C-alpha cells in the first residue's frame, strides 16, 4: 500500500486503514501469545508446580506466619501483600 500510495493509486485513507489493520492483527497475536503463556503458569499453579518450575523452594513461599489459623478465620489474609523486590 505504501508504494501504491506514493504512485498515486491509493489514497492516504487506504494506507492508514491498512496500517491500522496490520497493527490490530499484530496486537491480537501478542495478546494471544501472552494469554497462552499465562494459561501455562495458571496450569502449573493449579498443579502446585509453579514454584518448582522457577526453582523456588516452596517452603519459602510468601505465607504469613501461622497461616493455617488465619486461613480458617479469614481465608484471604494468608498471603503477604508486602514482598521485597527481587534482586
N, C-alpha and C. Protein backbone atom coordinates (compact mmCIF):
# COMPACT_ATOMS: atom_id res chain seq x y z
N UNK A 1 0.81 -1.20 0.00
CA UNK A 1 0.00 0.00 0.00
C UNK A 1 0.86 1.26 0.00
N UNK A 2 2.00 1.21 0.68
CA UNK A 2 2.87 2.38 0.73
C UNK A 2 3.37 2.77 -0.65
N UNK A 3 3.81 1.78 -1.43
CA UNK A 3 4.28 2.07 -2.79
C UNK A 3 3.15 2.56 -3.67
N UNK A 4 1.97 1.94 -3.51
CA UNK A 4 0.81 2.36 -4.30
C UNK A 4 0.38 3.77 -3.93
N UNK A 5 0.50 4.12 -2.65
CA UNK A 5 0.18 5.48 -2.22
C UNK A 5 1.13 6.47 -2.87
N UNK A 6 2.44 6.13 -2.85
CA UNK A 6 3.43 7.01 -3.47
C UNK A 6 3.23 7.13 -4.98
N UNK A 7 2.73 6.06 -5.60
CA UNK A 7 2.47 6.09 -7.04
C UNK A 7 1.16 6.81 -7.37
N UNK A 8 0.37 7.08 -6.34
CA UNK A 8 -0.88 7.80 -6.56
C UNK A 8 -2.07 6.92 -6.87
N UNK A 9 -1.93 5.59 -6.68
CA UNK A 9 -3.05 4.70 -6.97
C UNK A 9 -3.87 4.36 -5.72
N UNK A 10 -3.36 4.74 -4.57
CA UNK A 10 -4.09 4.53 -3.30
C UNK A 10 -4.20 5.86 -2.57
N UNK A 11 -5.26 5.99 -1.79
CA UNK A 11 -5.43 7.22 -1.01
C UNK A 11 -4.72 7.07 0.33
N UNK A 12 -4.55 8.20 0.99
CA UNK A 12 -3.96 8.18 2.33
C UNK A 12 -4.85 7.39 3.27
N UNK A 13 -6.15 7.48 3.09
CA UNK A 13 -7.08 6.72 3.93
C UNK A 13 -6.88 5.22 3.76
N UNK A 14 -6.66 4.77 2.52
CA UNK A 14 -6.38 3.35 2.27
C UNK A 14 -5.11 2.91 3.00
N UNK A 15 -4.08 3.75 2.92
CA UNK A 15 -2.82 3.43 3.57
C UNK A 15 -2.98 3.35 5.08
N UNK A 16 -3.66 4.34 5.67
CA UNK A 16 -3.86 4.35 7.12
C UNK A 16 -4.72 3.18 7.57
N UNK A 17 -5.72 2.82 6.78
CA UNK A 17 -6.58 1.68 7.12
C UNK A 17 -5.78 0.38 7.09
N UNK A 18 -4.90 0.23 6.12
CA UNK A 18 -4.07 -0.97 6.04
C UNK A 18 -3.11 -1.04 7.23
N UNK A 19 -2.53 0.10 7.61
CA UNK A 19 -1.63 0.12 8.77
C UNK A 19 -2.38 -0.19 10.06
N UNK A 20 -3.60 0.32 10.18
CA UNK A 20 -4.41 0.03 11.37
C UNK A 20 -4.74 -1.45 11.44
N UNK A 21 -5.10 -2.04 10.31
CA UNK A 21 -5.40 -3.48 10.27
C UNK A 21 -4.18 -4.31 10.66
N UNK A 22 -3.03 -3.94 10.14
CA UNK A 22 -1.80 -4.67 10.48
C UNK A 22 -1.50 -4.55 11.96
N UNK A 23 -1.61 -3.35 12.51
CA UNK A 23 -1.37 -3.14 13.93
C UNK A 23 -2.33 -3.99 14.76
N UNK A 24 -3.60 -4.01 14.38
CA UNK A 24 -4.60 -4.79 15.14
C UNK A 24 -4.26 -6.27 15.13
N UNK A 25 -3.86 -6.79 13.99
CA UNK A 25 -3.52 -8.21 13.89
C UNK A 25 -2.28 -8.53 14.74
N UNK A 26 -1.27 -7.66 14.68
CA UNK A 26 -0.07 -7.88 15.49
C UNK A 26 -0.39 -7.81 16.98
N UNK A 27 -1.24 -6.86 17.36
CA UNK A 27 -1.63 -6.72 18.76
C UNK A 27 -2.40 -7.96 19.24
N UNK A 28 -3.32 -8.45 18.41
CA UNK A 28 -4.08 -9.65 18.77
C UNK A 28 -3.16 -10.86 18.91
N UNK A 29 -2.15 -10.97 18.06
CA UNK A 29 -1.19 -12.09 18.15
C UNK A 29 -0.42 -12.02 19.46
N UNK A 30 0.07 -10.84 19.81
CA UNK A 30 0.81 -10.68 21.06
C UNK A 30 -0.09 -10.98 22.25
N UNK A 31 -1.33 -10.52 22.20
CA UNK A 31 -2.28 -10.79 23.29
C UNK A 31 -2.56 -12.28 23.42
N UNK A 32 -2.72 -12.96 22.29
CA UNK A 32 -2.97 -14.40 22.32
C UNK A 32 -1.76 -15.16 22.87
N UNK A 33 -0.55 -14.75 22.46
CA UNK A 33 0.66 -15.39 22.99
C UNK A 33 0.77 -15.20 24.50
N UNK A 34 0.49 -13.98 24.97
CA UNK A 34 0.56 -13.71 26.40
C UNK A 34 -0.48 -14.52 27.16
N UNK A 35 -1.68 -14.62 26.60
CA UNK A 35 -2.74 -15.41 27.24
C UNK A 35 -2.35 -16.89 27.31
N UNK A 36 -1.75 -17.40 26.25
CA UNK A 36 -1.31 -18.79 26.22
C UNK A 36 -0.24 -19.04 27.29
N UNK A 37 0.73 -18.14 27.38
CA UNK A 37 1.80 -18.27 28.37
C UNK A 37 1.23 -18.21 29.78
N UNK A 38 0.36 -17.23 30.03
CA UNK A 38 -0.24 -17.08 31.35
C UNK A 38 -1.06 -18.32 31.71
N UNK A 39 -1.75 -18.90 30.74
CA UNK A 39 -2.53 -20.11 31.00
C UNK A 39 -1.62 -21.26 31.43
N UNK A 40 -0.43 -21.32 30.84
CA UNK A 40 0.53 -22.34 31.26
C UNK A 40 0.95 -22.17 32.71
N UNK A 41 1.17 -20.90 33.11
CA UNK A 41 1.52 -20.63 34.51
C UNK A 41 0.36 -20.97 35.44
N UNK A 42 -0.85 -20.66 35.01
CA UNK A 42 -2.02 -21.00 35.83
C UNK A 42 -2.16 -22.51 35.98
N UNK A 43 -1.85 -23.24 34.92
CA UNK A 43 -1.92 -24.71 34.98
C UNK A 43 -0.88 -25.24 35.97
N UNK A 44 0.34 -24.71 35.90
CA UNK A 44 1.37 -25.13 36.86
C UNK A 44 0.96 -24.79 38.28
N UNK A 45 0.37 -23.62 38.48
CA UNK A 45 -0.07 -23.23 39.83
C UNK A 45 -1.18 -24.14 40.32
N UNK A 46 -2.10 -24.51 39.44
CA UNK A 46 -3.19 -25.41 39.84
C UNK A 46 -2.65 -26.78 40.24
N UNK A 47 -1.53 -27.17 39.66
CA UNK A 47 -0.91 -28.45 39.98
C UNK A 47 0.12 -28.32 41.11
N UNK A 48 0.20 -27.15 41.71
CA UNK A 48 1.18 -26.86 42.77
C UNK A 48 2.62 -27.09 42.30
N UNK A 49 2.88 -26.75 41.03
CA UNK A 49 4.21 -26.94 40.47
C UNK A 49 4.86 -25.64 40.01
N UNK A 50 4.22 -24.50 40.27
CA UNK A 50 4.75 -23.23 39.78
C UNK A 50 6.07 -22.86 40.44
N UNK A 51 6.17 -23.01 41.76
CA UNK A 51 7.41 -22.68 42.47
C UNK A 51 8.55 -23.56 41.97
N UNK A 52 8.30 -24.84 41.82
CA UNK A 52 9.34 -25.76 41.35
C UNK A 52 9.77 -25.42 39.92
N UNK A 53 8.84 -24.96 39.10
CA UNK A 53 9.14 -24.58 37.72
C UNK A 53 10.20 -23.48 37.68
N UNK A 54 10.11 -22.56 38.64
CA UNK A 54 11.07 -21.46 38.71
C UNK A 54 12.24 -21.74 39.64
N UNK A 55 12.30 -22.95 40.18
CA UNK A 55 13.40 -23.31 41.06
C UNK A 55 13.32 -22.67 42.43
N UNK A 56 12.11 -22.32 42.85
CA UNK A 56 11.91 -21.70 44.16
C UNK A 56 11.52 -22.79 45.15
N UNK A 57 12.13 -22.77 46.30
CA UNK A 57 11.80 -23.72 47.35
C UNK A 57 10.40 -23.39 47.87
N UNK A 58 9.43 -24.30 47.73
CA UNK A 58 8.07 -24.00 48.16
C UNK A 58 7.96 -23.70 49.66
N UNK A 59 8.95 -24.13 50.43
CA UNK A 59 8.91 -23.82 51.85
C UNK A 59 9.15 -22.33 52.10
N UNK A 60 9.70 -21.63 51.11
CA UNK A 60 9.94 -20.20 51.23
C UNK A 60 8.82 -19.37 50.62
N UNK A 61 7.65 -19.98 50.46
CA UNK A 61 6.51 -19.28 49.86
C UNK A 61 6.12 -18.08 50.71
N UNK A 62 5.44 -17.16 50.08
CA UNK A 62 5.09 -15.89 50.72
C UNK A 62 3.84 -16.02 51.59
N UNK A 63 3.90 -16.86 52.60
CA UNK A 63 2.77 -17.01 53.52
C UNK A 63 3.07 -16.31 54.84
N UNK A 64 2.05 -15.75 55.41
CA UNK A 64 2.16 -15.10 56.71
C UNK A 64 2.35 -16.19 57.77
N UNK A 65 3.20 -15.97 58.77
CA UNK A 65 3.35 -16.96 59.85
C UNK A 65 1.98 -17.29 60.47
N UNK A 66 1.84 -18.54 60.90
CA UNK A 66 0.59 -19.02 61.49
C UNK A 66 -0.57 -18.93 60.50
N UNK A 67 -0.27 -19.24 59.24
CA UNK A 67 -1.28 -19.04 58.21
C UNK A 67 -2.45 -20.01 58.30
N UNK A 68 -2.26 -21.21 58.86
CA UNK A 68 -3.37 -22.15 58.94
C UNK A 68 -4.52 -21.58 59.77
N UNK A 69 -4.19 -21.01 60.92
CA UNK A 69 -5.22 -20.41 61.77
C UNK A 69 -5.85 -19.21 61.09
N UNK A 70 -5.02 -18.38 60.47
CA UNK A 70 -5.55 -17.20 59.78
C UNK A 70 -6.46 -17.62 58.62
N UNK A 71 -6.11 -18.69 57.92
CA UNK A 71 -6.92 -19.16 56.80
C UNK A 71 -8.30 -19.61 57.25
N UNK A 72 -8.36 -20.21 58.44
CA UNK A 72 -9.67 -20.63 58.95
C UNK A 72 -10.53 -19.42 59.29
N UNK A 73 -9.92 -18.40 59.86
CA UNK A 73 -10.67 -17.22 60.29
C UNK A 73 -10.98 -16.30 59.11
N UNK A 74 -9.97 -16.01 58.30
CA UNK A 74 -10.13 -15.09 57.17
C UNK A 74 -9.29 -15.61 56.00
N UNK A 75 -9.89 -16.38 55.08
CA UNK A 75 -9.13 -17.07 54.03
C UNK A 75 -8.29 -16.16 53.13
N UNK A 76 -8.68 -14.91 52.98
CA UNK A 76 -7.92 -14.03 52.08
C UNK A 76 -6.70 -13.40 52.74
N UNK A 77 -6.46 -13.67 54.01
CA UNK A 77 -5.36 -13.00 54.71
C UNK A 77 -4.10 -13.84 54.83
N UNK A 78 -4.03 -14.99 54.18
CA UNK A 78 -2.88 -15.87 54.38
C UNK A 78 -1.66 -15.46 53.55
N UNK A 79 -1.83 -14.64 52.54
CA UNK A 79 -0.71 -14.26 51.71
C UNK A 79 -0.19 -12.88 52.10
N UNK A 80 1.12 -12.76 52.09
CA UNK A 80 1.74 -11.46 52.34
C UNK A 80 1.44 -10.55 51.15
N UNK A 81 1.14 -9.32 51.44
CA UNK A 81 0.93 -8.38 50.34
C UNK A 81 2.13 -7.46 50.17
N UNK A 82 3.02 -7.43 51.13
CA UNK A 82 4.23 -6.62 51.04
C UNK A 82 5.43 -7.56 50.91
N UNK A 83 5.94 -7.69 49.72
CA UNK A 83 7.09 -8.55 49.47
C UNK A 83 8.27 -7.70 49.02
N UNK A 84 9.48 -8.05 49.42
CA UNK A 84 10.64 -7.27 48.97
C UNK A 84 10.85 -7.48 47.47
N UNK A 85 11.41 -6.49 46.78
CA UNK A 85 11.66 -6.64 45.34
C UNK A 85 12.73 -7.70 45.08
N UNK A 86 12.65 -8.30 43.90
CA UNK A 86 13.66 -9.28 43.50
C UNK A 86 14.98 -8.57 43.25
N UNK A 87 16.06 -9.24 43.55
CA UNK A 87 17.38 -8.65 43.32
C UNK A 87 17.98 -9.16 42.04
